[in-house]
C-alpha atoms as a PDB file:
ATOM      1  CA  MET A   1     144.542 -14.490  64.923  1.00  0.00           C
ATOM      2  CA  THR A   2     141.415 -15.251  63.166  1.00  0.00           C
ATOM      3  CA  HIS A   3     138.661 -12.709  61.895  1.00  0.00           C
ATOM      4  CA  ARG A   4     135.285 -13.503  60.605  1.00  0.00           C
ATOM      5  CA  ILE A   5     133.805 -11.503  58.067  1.00  0.00           C
ATOM      6  CA  ALA A   6     130.334 -11.173  56.841  1.00  0.00           C
ATOM      7  CA  VAL A   7     130.240 -10.447  53.216  1.00  0.00           C
ATOM      8  CA  ILE A   8     127.249  -8.680  51.517  1.00  0.00           C
ATOM      9  CA  PRO A   9     128.063  -7.803  47.646  1.00  0.00           C
ATOM     10  CA  GLY A  10     124.381  -6.315  47.131  1.00  0.00           C
ATOM     11  CA  ASP A  11     123.641  -5.136  44.045  1.00  0.00           C
ATOM     12  CA  GLY A  12     124.902  -4.088  40.568  1.00  0.00           C
ATOM     13  CA  VAL A  13     128.811  -3.603  40.505  1.00  0.00           C
ATOM     14  CA  GLY A  14     128.947  -4.462  44.447  1.00  0.00           C
ATOM     15  CA  ARG A  15     128.825  -8.217  43.176  1.00  0.00           C
ATOM     16  CA  GLU A  16     131.886  -7.381  40.817  1.00  0.00           C
ATOM     17  CA  VAL A  17     133.995  -5.293  43.148  1.00  0.00           C
ATOM     18  CA  ILE A  18     133.746  -7.170  46.526  1.00  0.00           C
ATOM     19  CA  PRO A  19     135.475 -10.396  45.022  1.00  0.00           C
ATOM     20  CA  GLU A  20     138.481  -8.169  44.203  1.00  0.00           C
ATOM     21  CA  GLY A  21     138.486  -6.514  47.736  1.00  0.00           C
ATOM     22  CA  ILE A  22     138.555 -10.239  48.997  1.00  0.00           C
ATOM     23  CA  ARG A  23     141.308 -11.030  46.619  1.00  0.00           C
ATOM     24  CA  VAL A  24     143.399  -8.175  48.076  1.00  0.00           C
ATOM     25  CA  LEU A  25     142.281  -8.907  51.601  1.00  0.00           C
ATOM     26  CA  ASN A  26     143.533 -12.535  51.366  1.00  0.00           C
ATOM     27  CA  ALA A  27     146.787 -11.506  49.687  1.00  0.00           C
ATOM     28  CA  ALA A  28     147.602  -8.862  52.461  1.00  0.00           C
ATOM     29  CA  ALA A  29     146.475 -10.893  55.703  1.00  0.00           C
ATOM     30  CA  SER A  30     146.230 -14.277  56.888  1.00  0.00           C
ATOM     31  CA  GLY A  31     143.310 -15.308  59.235  1.00  0.00           C
ATOM     32  CA  LEU A  32     140.478 -13.904  57.255  1.00  0.00           C
ATOM     33  CA  GLU A  33     137.229 -16.084  57.151  1.00  0.00           C
ATOM     34  CA  PHE A  34     134.888 -14.706  54.897  1.00  0.00           C
ATOM     35  CA  GLU A  35     130.968 -15.714  54.642  1.00  0.00           C
ATOM     36  CA  GLU A  36     128.588 -14.378  51.986  1.00  0.00           C
ATOM     37  CA  PHE A  37     124.996 -13.316  52.358  1.00  0.00           C
ATOM     38  CA  PRO A  38     122.912 -12.682  49.241  1.00  0.00           C
ATOM     39  CA  TRP A  39     121.177  -9.606  50.672  1.00  0.00           C
ATOM     40  CA  GLY A  40     119.821  -6.565  48.735  1.00  0.00           C
ATOM     41  CA  CYS A  41     117.298  -5.924  46.089  1.00  0.00           C
ATOM     42  CA  ALA A  42     117.281  -9.024  44.286  1.00  0.00           C
ATOM     43  CA  TYR A  43     116.551 -10.669  47.480  1.00  0.00           C
ATOM     44  CA  TYR A  44     113.743  -7.954  48.136  1.00  0.00           C
ATOM     45  CA  GLU A  45     112.160  -8.728  44.689  1.00  0.00           C
ATOM     46  CA  LYS A  46     111.820 -12.417  45.931  1.00  0.00           C
ATOM     47  CA  THR A  47     110.940 -11.928  49.514  1.00  0.00           C
ATOM     48  CA  GLY A  48     109.669  -8.328  50.090  1.00  0.00           C
ATOM     49  CA  ARG A  49     112.620  -7.464  52.325  1.00  0.00           C
ATOM     50  CA  MET A  50     115.969  -6.491  51.578  1.00  0.00           C
ATOM     51  CA  MET A  51     117.338  -8.606  54.317  1.00  0.00           C
ATOM     52  CA  PRO A  52     115.581 -11.622  56.355  1.00  0.00           C
ATOM     53  CA  ASP A  53     114.352 -10.715  59.825  1.00  0.00           C
ATOM     54  CA  ASP A  54     117.251 -12.500  61.710  1.00  0.00           C
ATOM     55  CA  ALA A  55     119.758 -10.715  59.658  1.00  0.00           C
ATOM     56  CA  LEU A  56     120.783  -8.408  62.639  1.00  0.00           C
ATOM     57  CA  PRO A  57     121.356 -10.884  65.202  1.00  0.00           C
ATOM     58  CA  ILE A  58     123.122 -12.943  62.442  1.00  0.00           C
ATOM     59  CA  LEU A  59     125.756 -10.333  61.731  1.00  0.00           C
ATOM     60  CA  ALA A  60     126.299  -9.730  65.255  1.00  0.00           C
ATOM     61  CA  ARG A  61     128.532 -12.726  65.412  1.00  0.00           C
ATOM     62  CA  TYR A  62     130.926 -11.559  63.125  1.00  0.00           C
ATOM     63  CA  ASP A  63     133.953  -9.314  63.925  1.00  0.00           C
ATOM     64  CA  ALA A  64     133.339  -6.891  60.511  1.00  0.00           C
ATOM     65  CA  ILE A  65     131.048  -6.422  57.768  1.00  0.00           C
ATOM     66  CA  TYR A  66     131.895  -5.727  53.895  1.00  0.00           C
ATOM     67  CA  LEU A  67     129.238  -4.579  51.741  1.00  0.00           C
ATOM     68  CA  GLY A  68     129.641  -3.837  48.000  1.00  0.00           C
ATOM     69  CA  ALA A  69     126.681  -1.752  47.064  1.00  0.00           C
ATOM     70  CA  CYS A  70     123.006  -1.322  47.756  1.00  0.00           C
ATOM     71  CA  GLY A  71     120.112  -0.245  45.714  1.00  0.00           C
ATOM     72  CA  TRP A  72     118.645  -1.008  42.003  1.00  0.00           C
ATOM     73  CA  PRO A  73     116.334   1.029  39.798  1.00  0.00           C
ATOM     74  CA  THR A  74     113.369  -1.404  40.172  1.00  0.00           C
ATOM     75  CA  VAL A  75     113.406  -0.942  44.052  1.00  0.00           C
ATOM     76  CA  PRO A  76     112.599   2.681  45.254  1.00  0.00           C
ATOM     77  CA  ASP A  77     116.031   4.210  46.962  1.00  0.00           C
ATOM     78  CA  HIS A  78     114.197   4.710  50.198  1.00  0.00           C
ATOM     79  CA  VAL A  79     112.984   0.953  50.513  1.00  0.00           C
ATOM     80  CA  SER A  80     116.811  -0.258  49.784  1.00  0.00           C
ATOM     81  CA  LEU A  81     118.658   2.039  52.260  1.00  0.00           C
ATOM     82  CA  TRP A  82     116.167   1.802  55.129  1.00  0.00           C
ATOM     83  CA  GLY A  83     115.655  -1.673  54.421  1.00  0.00           C
ATOM     84  CA  LEU A  84     119.666  -2.902  54.758  1.00  0.00           C
ATOM     85  CA  LEU A  85     122.259  -0.041  55.347  1.00  0.00           C
ATOM     86  CA  LEU A  86     120.716   2.457  57.710  1.00  0.00           C
ATOM     87  CA  PRO A  87     119.205  -0.387  60.107  1.00  0.00           C
ATOM     88  CA  ILE A  88     122.950  -2.089  60.203  1.00  0.00           C
ATOM     89  CA  ARG A  89     124.435   1.162  61.099  1.00  0.00           C
ATOM     90  CA  LYS A  90     121.644   2.281  63.692  1.00  0.00           C
ATOM     91  CA  THR A  91     121.710  -0.907  65.528  1.00  0.00           C
ATOM     92  CA  PHE A  92     125.195  -1.571  65.856  1.00  0.00           C
ATOM     93  CA  GLU A  93     126.134   1.939  66.922  1.00  0.00           C
ATOM     94  CA  GLN A  94     128.314   2.878  63.864  1.00  0.00           C
ATOM     95  CA  TYR A  95     128.278   6.203  64.916  1.00  0.00           C
ATOM     96  CA  VAL A  96     131.132   7.276  62.855  1.00  0.00           C
ATOM     97  CA  ASN A  97     131.510   7.240  59.201  1.00  0.00           C
ATOM     98  CA  LEU A  98     135.101   7.773  58.248  1.00  0.00           C
ATOM     99  CA  ARG A  99     135.978   8.758  54.793  1.00  0.00           C
ATOM    100  CA  PRO A 100     139.531   9.549  53.542  1.00  0.00           C
ATOM    101  CA  VAL A 101     139.728  12.098  50.701  1.00  0.00           C
ATOM    102  CA  ARG A 102     143.430  11.791  49.388  1.00  0.00           C
ATOM    103  CA  CYS A 103     144.564  12.276  45.565  1.00  0.00           C
ATOM    104  CA  LEU A 104     146.681   9.287  44.325  1.00  0.00           C
ATOM    105  CA  PRO A 105     149.682   9.434  42.523  1.00  0.00           C
ATOM    106  CA  GLY A 106     149.188   8.898  38.997  1.00  0.00           C
ATOM    107  CA  VAL A 107     145.267   9.883  39.159  1.00  0.00           C
ATOM    108  CA  LYS A 108     144.784  13.488  37.523  1.00  0.00           C
ATOM    109  CA  SER A 109     142.385  15.345  39.510  1.00  0.00           C
ATOM    110  CA  PRO A 110     139.959  17.860  38.007  1.00  0.00           C
ATOM    111  CA  LEU A 111     141.468  20.657  40.102  1.00  0.00           C
ATOM    112  CA  ALA A 112     144.193  22.250  37.968  1.00  0.00           C
ATOM    113  CA  GLY A 113     147.404  21.690  39.431  1.00  0.00           C
ATOM    114  CA  ARG A 114     146.614  19.801  42.549  1.00  0.00           C
ATOM    115  CA  GLY A 115     148.008  16.205  43.335  1.00  0.00           C
ATOM    116  CA  PRO A 116     148.626  14.223  46.393  1.00  0.00           C
ATOM    117  CA  ALA A 117     150.740  16.966  48.203  1.00  0.00           C
ATOM    118  CA  ASP A 118     147.660  19.145  48.218  1.00  0.00           C
ATOM    119  CA  VAL A 119     144.888  17.054  48.923  1.00  0.00           C
ATOM    120  CA  ASP A 120     144.801  14.946  52.066  1.00  0.00           C
ATOM    121  CA  MET A 121     141.565  15.200  54.206  1.00  0.00           C
ATOM    122  CA  LEU A 122     139.904  12.907  56.479  1.00  0.00           C
ATOM    123  CA  PHE A 123     136.008  13.141  57.035  1.00  0.00           C
ATOM    124  CA  VAL A 124     134.188  12.481  60.305  1.00  0.00           C
ATOM    125  CA  ARG A 125     130.613  11.795  59.557  1.00  0.00           C
ATOM    126  CA  GLU A 126     128.277  11.481  62.181  1.00  0.00           C
ATOM    127  CA  ASN A 127     126.395   8.522  61.080  1.00  0.00           C
ATOM    128  CA  THR A 128     123.265   7.728  63.432  1.00  0.00           C
ATOM    129  CA  GLU A 129     120.922  10.593  63.372  1.00  0.00           C
ATOM    130  CA  GLY A 130     120.705  14.249  62.174  1.00  0.00           C
ATOM    131  CA  GLU A 131     118.695  14.787  58.699  1.00  0.00           C
ATOM    132  CA  TYR A 132     118.953  10.848  58.572  1.00  0.00           C
ATOM    133  CA  SER A 133     117.101  10.099  61.706  1.00  0.00           C
ATOM    134  CA  GLY A 134     113.935   9.101  59.997  1.00  0.00           C
ATOM    135  CA  THR A 135     111.719  11.105  62.373  1.00  0.00           C
ATOM    136  CA  GLY A 136     108.689  12.587  60.522  1.00  0.00           C
ATOM    137  CA  GLY A 137     105.734  11.312  58.390  1.00  0.00           C
ATOM    138  CA  ARG A 138     103.383  12.368  55.653  1.00  0.00           C
ATOM    139  CA  VAL A 139      99.347  13.515  55.961  1.00  0.00           C
ATOM    140  CA  HIS A 140      96.487  14.014  53.237  1.00  0.00           C
ATOM    141  CA  SER A 141      98.554  11.420  51.041  1.00  0.00           C
ATOM    142  CA  GLY A 142      97.097  11.893  47.647  1.00  0.00           C
ATOM    143  CA  HIS A 143      95.433  15.182  48.096  1.00  0.00           C
ATOM    144  CA  ALA A 144      96.184  18.785  47.149  1.00  0.00           C
ATOM    145  CA  THR A 145      96.951  19.520  50.748  1.00  0.00           C
ATOM    146  CA  GLU A 146      99.660  16.736  51.215  1.00  0.00           C
ATOM    147  CA  VAL A 147     102.167  17.450  53.914  1.00  0.00           C
ATOM    148  CA  ALA A 148     105.368  15.749  54.286  1.00  0.00           C
ATOM    149  CA  VAL A 149     107.705  16.595  57.453  1.00  0.00           C
ATOM    150  CA  GLU A 150     111.243  15.456  58.092  1.00  0.00           C
ATOM    151  CA  VAL A 151     112.560  16.461  61.428  1.00  0.00           C
ATOM    152  CA  PRO A 152     116.539  16.417  61.913  1.00  0.00           C
ATOM    153  CA  ILE A 153     117.207  14.874  65.273  1.00  0.00           C
ATOM    154  CA  PHE A 154     120.480  16.012  66.936  1.00  0.00           C
ATOM    155  CA  THR A 155     121.401  15.074  70.646  1.00  0.00           C
ATOM    156  CA  ARG A 156     124.314  16.066  72.888  1.00  0.00           C
ATOM    157  CA  THR A 157     125.506  12.344  73.348  1.00  0.00           C
ATOM    158  CA  ALA A 158     125.505  11.758  69.535  1.00  0.00           C
ATOM    159  CA  ILE A 159     127.424  15.176  68.688  1.00  0.00           C
ATOM    160  CA  GLU A 160     129.776  14.838  71.533  1.00  0.00           C
ATOM    161  CA  ARG A 161     131.049  11.127  70.526  1.00  0.00           C
ATOM    162  CA  VAL A 162     131.494  12.089  67.075  1.00  0.00           C
ATOM    163  CA  ALA A 163     133.303  15.033  67.797  1.00  0.00           C
ATOM    164  CA  ARG A 164     135.560  13.222  70.365  1.00  0.00           C
ATOM    165  CA  TYR A 165     136.500  11.000  67.727  1.00  0.00           C
ATOM    166  CA  ALA A 166     137.238  13.572  65.282  1.00  0.00           C
ATOM    167  CA  PHE A 167     139.318  15.362  67.948  1.00  0.00           C
ATOM    168  CA  GLU A 168     141.422  12.447  68.473  1.00  0.00           C
ATOM    169  CA  ARG A 169     142.023  12.050  64.635  1.00  0.00           C
ATOM    170  CA  ALA A 170     142.959  15.766  64.394  1.00  0.00           C
ATOM    171  CA  ARG A 171     145.497  15.411  67.573  1.00  0.00           C
ATOM    172  CA  GLU A 172     146.977  12.114  65.779  1.00  0.00           C
ATOM    173  CA  ARG A 173     147.531  14.266  62.420  1.00  0.00           C
ATOM    174  CA  SER A 174     148.116  18.001  62.307  1.00  0.00           C
ATOM    175  CA  ARG A 175     146.259  19.029  65.278  1.00  0.00           C
ATOM    176  CA  ARG A 176     143.583  20.988  63.080  1.00  0.00           C
ATOM    177  CA  LEU A 177     140.023  20.261  62.904  1.00  0.00           C
ATOM    178  CA  VAL A 178     137.361  21.841  60.714  1.00  0.00           C
ATOM    179  CA  SER A 179     133.662  21.835  62.188  1.00  0.00           C
ATOM    180  CA  VAL A 180     131.016  22.188  59.315  1.00  0.00           C
ATOM    181  CA  THR A 181     127.824  23.744  60.328  1.00  0.00           C
ATOM    182  CA  LYS A 182     125.256  25.856  59.244  1.00  0.00           C
ATOM    183  CA  SER A 183     124.062  27.665  62.658  1.00  0.00           C
ATOM    184  CA  ASN A 184     123.367  30.906  60.827  1.00  0.00           C
ATOM    185  CA  ALA A 185     120.319  29.640  59.155  1.00  0.00           C
ATOM    186  CA  SER A 186     119.319  26.449  61.548  1.00  0.00           C
ATOM    187  CA  ARG A 187     119.401  28.125  64.999  1.00  0.00           C
ATOM    188  CA  TYR A 188     118.700  25.206  67.074  1.00  0.00           C
ATOM    189  CA  THR A 189     120.128  22.049  65.560  1.00  0.00           C
ATOM    190  CA  TYR A 190     123.361  23.690  64.493  1.00  0.00           C
ATOM    191  CA  VAL A 191     123.667  26.145  67.082  1.00  0.00           C
ATOM    192  CA  LEU A 192     123.727  22.982  69.613  1.00  0.00           C
ATOM    193  CA  TRP A 193     126.359  21.387  67.459  1.00  0.00           C
ATOM    194  CA  ASP A 194     128.593  24.583  67.723  1.00  0.00           C
ATOM    195  CA  GLU A 195     127.882  24.499  71.597  1.00  0.00           C
ATOM    196  CA  VAL A 196     129.058  20.903  72.075  1.00  0.00           C
ATOM    197  CA  VAL A 197     132.099  20.842  69.464  1.00  0.00           C
ATOM    198  CA  ALA A 198     133.232  24.060  70.931  1.00  0.00           C
ATOM    199  CA  GLY A 199     132.803  23.051  74.503  1.00  0.00           C
ATOM    200  CA  LEU A 200     134.411  19.688  74.092  1.00  0.00           C
ATOM    201  CA  GLY A 201     137.407  21.153  72.432  1.00  0.00           C
ATOM    202  CA  ALA A 202     137.598  23.871  75.198  1.00  0.00           C
ATOM    203  CA  ALA A 203     137.837  21.223  77.611  1.00  0.00           C
ATOM    204  CA  GLU A 204     139.750  18.000  76.492  1.00  0.00           C
ATOM    205  CA  PHE A 205     141.463  19.231  73.244  1.00  0.00           C
ATOM    206  CA  ALA A 206     142.986  22.461  73.651  1.00  0.00           C
ATOM    207  CA  ASP A 207     145.904  21.517  71.754  1.00  0.00           C
ATOM    208  CA  VAL A 208     143.841  21.058  68.770  1.00  0.00           C
ATOM    209  CA  THR A 209     143.107  24.152  66.575  1.00  0.00           C
ATOM    210  CA  LEU A 210     139.157  24.081  65.969  1.00  0.00           C
ATOM    211  CA  GLU A 211     137.620  25.983  63.059  1.00  0.00           C
ATOM    212  CA  ARG A 212     134.096  26.269  62.597  1.00  0.00           C
ATOM    213  CA  VAL A 213     133.021  26.736  58.710  1.00  0.00           C
ATOM    214  CA  HIS A 214     129.502  26.628  57.214  1.00  0.00           C
ATOM    215  CA  VAL A 215     128.717  24.033  54.697  1.00  0.00           C
ATOM    216  CA  ASP A 216     128.466  26.147  51.752  1.00  0.00           C
ATOM    217  CA  ALA A 217     131.626  27.822  52.330  1.00  0.00           C
ATOM    218  CA  MET A 218     133.300  24.699  52.984  1.00  0.00           C
ATOM    219  CA  ALA A 219     132.297  23.123  49.441  1.00  0.00           C
ATOM    220  CA  ALA A 220     134.022  26.360  47.873  1.00  0.00           C
ATOM    221  CA  ARG A 221     137.032  25.925  50.020  1.00  0.00           C
ATOM    222  CA  MET A 222     137.085  22.242  49.062  1.00  0.00           C
ATOM    223  CA  VAL A 223     137.566  23.462  45.414  1.00  0.00           C
ATOM    224  CA  MET A 224     139.903  26.570  45.832  1.00  0.00           C
ATOM    225  CA  ARG A 225     141.999  25.582  48.905  1.00  0.00           C
ATOM    226  CA  PRO A 226     141.971  21.768  49.616  1.00  0.00           C
ATOM    227  CA  ASP A 227     145.376  22.116  51.047  1.00  0.00           C
ATOM    228  CA  THR A 228     144.021  24.052  53.929  1.00  0.00           C
ATOM    229  CA  ILE A 229     142.068  21.214  55.003  1.00  0.00           C
ATOM    230  CA  ASP A 230     142.954  18.109  57.130  1.00  0.00           C
ATOM    231  CA  VAL A 231     140.247  16.402  59.325  1.00  0.00           C
ATOM    232  CA  VAL A 232     136.900  17.552  59.254  1.00  0.00           C
ATOM    233  CA  VAL A 233     133.546  16.468  61.353  1.00  0.00           C
ATOM    234  CA  GLY A 234     130.264  17.133  60.038  1.00  0.00           C
ATOM    235  CA  SER A 235     126.535  16.171  60.128  1.00  0.00           C
ATOM    236  CA  ASN A 236     124.953  12.960  58.719  1.00  0.00           C
ATOM    237  CA  LEU A 237     123.975  15.066  55.411  1.00  0.00           C
ATOM    238  CA  PHE A 238     126.665  17.531  55.083  1.00  0.00           C
ATOM    239  CA  ALA A 239     129.546  15.184  55.363  1.00  0.00           C
ATOM    240  CA  ASP A 240     127.722  12.930  52.935  1.00  0.00           C
ATOM    241  CA  ILE A 241     127.563  15.571  50.417  1.00  0.00           C
ATOM    242  CA  LEU A 242     130.844  17.238  50.864  1.00  0.00           C
ATOM    243  CA  THR A 243     132.948  13.544  50.403  1.00  0.00           C
ATOM    244  CA  ASP A 244     130.978  12.827  47.171  1.00  0.00           C
ATOM    245  CA  LEU A 245     132.540  16.391  46.476  1.00  0.00           C
ATOM    246  CA  GLY A 246     135.516  14.940  47.690  1.00  0.00           C
ATOM    247  CA  ALA A 247     135.510  11.916  45.436  1.00  0.00           C
ATOM    248  CA  ALA A 248     135.121  13.994  42.408  1.00  0.00           C
ATOM    249  CA  ILE A 249     138.196  15.935  43.543  1.00  0.00           C
ATOM    250  CA  GLN A 250     140.027  12.601  43.941  1.00  0.00           C
ATOM    251  CA  GLY A 251     139.427  11.841  40.345  1.00  0.00           C
ATOM    252  CA  SER A 252     136.548   9.106  40.649  1.00  0.00           C
ATOM    253  CA  LEU A 253     133.545   8.163  42.856  1.00  0.00           C
ATOM    254  CA  GLY A 254     135.275   4.648  41.888  1.00  0.00           C
ATOM    255  CA  LEU A 255     138.222   5.554  44.494  1.00  0.00           C
ATOM    256  CA  ALA A 256     136.101   6.696  47.557  1.00  0.00           C
ATOM    257  CA  ALA A 257     136.210   4.344  50.299  1.00  0.00           C
ATOM    258  CA  SER A 258     134.327   4.452  53.800  1.00  0.00           C
ATOM    259  CA  ALA A 259     133.864   2.651  57.405  1.00  0.00           C
ATOM    260  CA  ASN A 260     131.144   2.898  59.376  1.00  0.00           C
ATOM    261  CA  LEU A 261     132.444   2.518  62.870  1.00  0.00           C
ATOM    262  CA  ASN A 262     131.353   1.283  66.290  1.00  0.00           C
ATOM    263  CA  PRO A 263     134.802   3.058  67.992  1.00  0.00           C
ATOM    264  CA  GLU A 264     134.249   0.947  70.997  1.00  0.00           C
ATOM    265  CA  ARG A 265     133.859  -2.395  69.230  1.00  0.00           C
ATOM    266  CA  GLU A 266     130.949  -3.506  71.298  1.00  0.00           C
ATOM    267  CA  HIS A 267     129.373  -4.302  67.750  1.00  0.00           C
ATOM    268  CA  PRO A 268     130.925  -5.065  64.232  1.00  0.00           C
ATOM    269  CA  SER A 269     131.480  -2.060  62.146  1.00  0.00           C
ATOM    270  CA  LEU A 270     130.706  -2.066  58.140  1.00  0.00           C
ATOM    271  CA  PHE A 271     133.141  -1.280  55.219  1.00  0.00           C
ATOM    272  CA  GLU A 272     131.942  -0.135  51.895  1.00  0.00           C
ATOM    273  CA  PRO A 273     132.825   1.820  48.819  1.00  0.00           C
ATOM    274  CA  VAL A 274     130.978   5.163  48.558  1.00  0.00           C
ATOM    275  CA  HIS A 275     130.011   4.659  44.755  1.00  0.00           C
ATOM    276  CA  GLY A 276     126.787   2.594  45.051  1.00  0.00           C
ATOM    277  CA  SER A 277     125.494  -0.223  42.395  1.00  0.00           C
ATOM    278  CA  ALA A 278     125.907   1.620  39.058  1.00  0.00           C
ATOM    279  CA  PRO A 279     123.279   0.172  37.358  1.00  0.00           C
ATOM    280  CA  ASP A 280     124.536   1.805  33.875  1.00  0.00           C
ATOM    281  CA  ILE A 281     127.874  -0.262  33.901  1.00  0.00           C
ATOM    282  CA  ALA A 282     127.007  -3.285  35.966  1.00  0.00           C
ATOM    283  CA  GLY A 283     128.004  -6.490  34.501  1.00  0.00           C
ATOM    284  CA  LYS A 284     130.420  -4.789  32.048  1.00  0.00           C
ATOM    285  CA  GLY A 285     133.557  -5.550  34.302  1.00  0.00           C
ATOM    286  CA  ILE A 286     134.929  -2.346  34.357  1.00  0.00           C
ATOM    287  CA  ALA A 287     133.999  -0.769  37.334  1.00  0.00           C
ATOM    288  CA  ASN A 288     136.640   0.207  39.736  1.00  0.00           C
ATOM    289  CA  PRO A 289     137.516  -1.568  42.431  1.00  0.00           C
ATOM    290  CA  ILE A 290     139.941   0.557  44.543  1.00  0.00           C
ATOM    291  CA  GLY A 291     137.283   2.319  46.683  1.00  0.00           C
ATOM    292  CA  THR A 292     136.410  -1.355  47.879  1.00  0.00           C
ATOM    293  CA  ILE A 293     139.840  -2.556  48.105  1.00  0.00           C
ATOM    294  CA  TRP A 294     140.860   0.867  50.042  1.00  0.00           C
ATOM    295  CA  SER A 295     137.790   0.028  52.295  1.00  0.00           C
ATOM    296  CA  GLY A 296     139.063  -3.227  53.021  1.00  0.00           C
ATOM    297  CA  ALA A 297     142.244  -1.153  54.069  1.00  0.00           C
ATOM    298  CA  LEU A 298     140.114   0.361  56.638  1.00  0.00           C
ATOM    299  CA  LEU A 299     138.692  -3.063  57.829  1.00  0.00           C
ATOM    300  CA  LEU A 300     142.173  -4.730  58.484  1.00  0.00           C
ATOM    301  CA  ARG A 301     143.454  -1.209  60.293  1.00  0.00           C
ATOM    302  CA  HIS A 302     140.142  -1.507  62.697  1.00  0.00           C
ATOM    303  CA  LEU A 303     140.663  -5.239  62.953  1.00  0.00           C
ATOM    304  CA  GLY A 304     144.316  -4.325  64.368  1.00  0.00           C
ATOM    305  CA  GLU A 305     146.199  -5.480  60.974  1.00  0.00           C
ATOM    306  CA  GLU A 306     147.903  -2.222  60.671  1.00  0.00           C
ATOM    307  CA  GLU A 307     150.843  -3.517  58.756  1.00  0.00           C
ATOM    308  CA  ALA A 308     148.428  -5.430  56.612  1.00  0.00           C
ATOM    309  CA  ALA A 309     146.332  -2.270  55.961  1.00  0.00           C
ATOM    310  CA  GLY A 310     149.612  -0.079  55.213  1.00  0.00           C
ATOM    311  CA  ARG A 311     150.636  -2.626  52.719  1.00  0.00           C
ATOM    312  CA  VAL A 312     146.999  -2.533  50.850  1.00  0.00           C
ATOM    313  CA  GLU A 313     147.288   1.085  50.713  1.00  0.00           C
ATOM    314  CA  LYS A 314     150.743   1.304  49.450  1.00  0.00           C
ATOM    315  CA  ALA A 315     149.715  -1.175  47.020  1.00  0.00           C
ATOM    316  CA  ILE A 316     146.828   0.703  45.538  1.00  0.00           C
ATOM    317  CA  GLU A 317     149.183   3.715  45.144  1.00  0.00           C
ATOM    318  CA  ALA A 318     151.894   1.475  43.522  1.00  0.00           C
ATOM    319  CA  VAL A 319     149.320   0.727  40.595  1.00  0.00           C
ATOM    320  CA  THR A 320     148.027   4.114  40.190  1.00  0.00           C
ATOM    321  CA  SER A 321     151.518   5.654  39.983  1.00  0.00           C
ATOM    322  CA  GLU A 322     152.511   2.966  37.508  1.00  0.00           C
ATOM    323  CA  GLY A 323     149.095   3.650  35.522  1.00  0.00           C
ATOM    324  CA  GLU A 324     149.058   0.387  33.368  1.00  0.00           C
ATOM    325  CA  PHE A 325     146.254  -0.960  35.355  1.00  0.00           C
ATOM    326  CA  LEU A 326     143.505   1.755  35.482  1.00  0.00           C
ATOM    327  CA  THR A 327     139.936   1.564  34.608  1.00  0.00           C
ATOM    328  CA  ALA A 328     138.191   3.633  31.620  1.00  0.00           C
ATOM    329  CA  GLU A 329     137.162   6.553  34.086  1.00  0.00           C
ATOM    330  CA  LEU A 330     140.704   7.124  35.002  1.00  0.00           C
ATOM    331  CA  GLY A 331     141.854   6.811  31.543  1.00  0.00           C
ATOM    332  CA  GLY A 332     142.869   3.323  31.593  1.00  0.00           C
ATOM    333  CA  SER A 333     141.464   0.262  29.620  1.00  0.00           C
ATOM    334  CA  ALA A 334     141.742  -2.246  32.277  1.00  0.00           C
ATOM    335  CA  SER A 335     138.928  -4.571  33.719  1.00  0.00           C
ATOM    336  CA  THR A 336     137.837  -4.795  37.347  1.00  0.00           C
ATOM    337  CA  ALA A 337     139.469  -8.055  37.629  1.00  0.00           C
ATOM    338  CA  GLU A 338     142.871  -6.863  36.377  1.00  0.00           C
ATOM    339  CA  VAL A 339     143.075  -4.043  38.451  1.00  0.00           C
ATOM    340  CA  GLY A 340     142.532  -6.154  41.528  1.00  0.00           C
ATOM    341  CA  GLN A 341     144.656  -8.777  40.495  1.00  0.00           C
ATOM    342  CA  ALA A 342     147.240  -6.054  40.164  1.00  0.00           C
ATOM    343  CA  ILE A 343     146.613  -4.553  43.322  1.00  0.00           C
ATOM    344  CA  ALA A 344     146.920  -8.168  45.080  1.00  0.00           C
ATOM    345  CA  GLN A 345     150.063  -8.813  43.539  1.00  0.00           C
ATOM    346  CA  ALA A 346     151.583  -5.444  45.081  1.00  0.00           C
ATOM    347  CA  ALA A 347     150.108  -6.348  48.414  1.00  0.00           C
ATOM    348  CA  VAL A 348     151.137  -9.867  49.045  1.00  0.00           C
ATOM    349  CA  SER A 349     152.400 -10.327  52.783  1.00  0.00           C
ATOM    350  CA  PRO A 350     156.014 -11.501  53.264  1.00  0.00           C
ATOM    351  CA  PRO A 351     156.677 -14.941  53.796  1.00  0.00           C
ATOM    352  CA  THR A 352     157.146 -15.783  57.593  1.00  0.00           C
END
């Protein structure tokens, strides 16, 4: 079966790690067709737009989207984010942001004595509204009385659909789900969140143990007791922040993978590493491609290529466990390309 994948390398190290992700995907699976689009901050500086007017209709024709990074110091962050990634997420109803947080063999976690047996979490982040809904504005701009208002939007529909996805993943794993909240302080949005999640659990997922944890307590628990956490569901902002903490626990932001999913497959889903464009090391060939490659495994699984996805994940673990091909932030000296080549060799699909 052929899968058509739109590729947006984007900015900075995105242009270095995406080729390695494609190299591994082609090694692990057949029938993948890639088409690259030069959208991002360089495109913005030439055209005044992060992507062309017809970008979304173009992307809608593909089975998946593979993104390297979005952002560059010469373009304001809110311009780059709202000009490319967020319109894709919202237009294509990618309401689940899936982020695995797992310690890899051979990679030392900054948490003393913790390793692969202790850290294996799956974060399910609501991806279309909440604090990133874009509702608000500014008045009296440039004056001492200037006011900025940002309104988080929480709807019962959005909370329920992301919670259902999280309950389903918990049912597949340990039948334990943590819902991250702050309903003691946010008495409207997060009280609604708590009510919807608890109601859904009681009505449809009585076999899954649901725990409600405030976001500040959750941050502490991820450091102190990561072995007690399995599947987590959280709002757009909370899960965004907590998964960066998760990447630090893994040992490097360069290891962090993510999938922006439209679970119903009515629209294409988008797969990207979490690390961003990393301007400080862009062009040096030393960026860690593992987050991008791991995101590629999530892409394969979403497309139904389960065996190939598993092979990529095992190849990542084999390379990190062996330890010869690791980038500098993991204590090695390998280049981006050397890590990608090593994982691709370990992921080669068996002859048919």
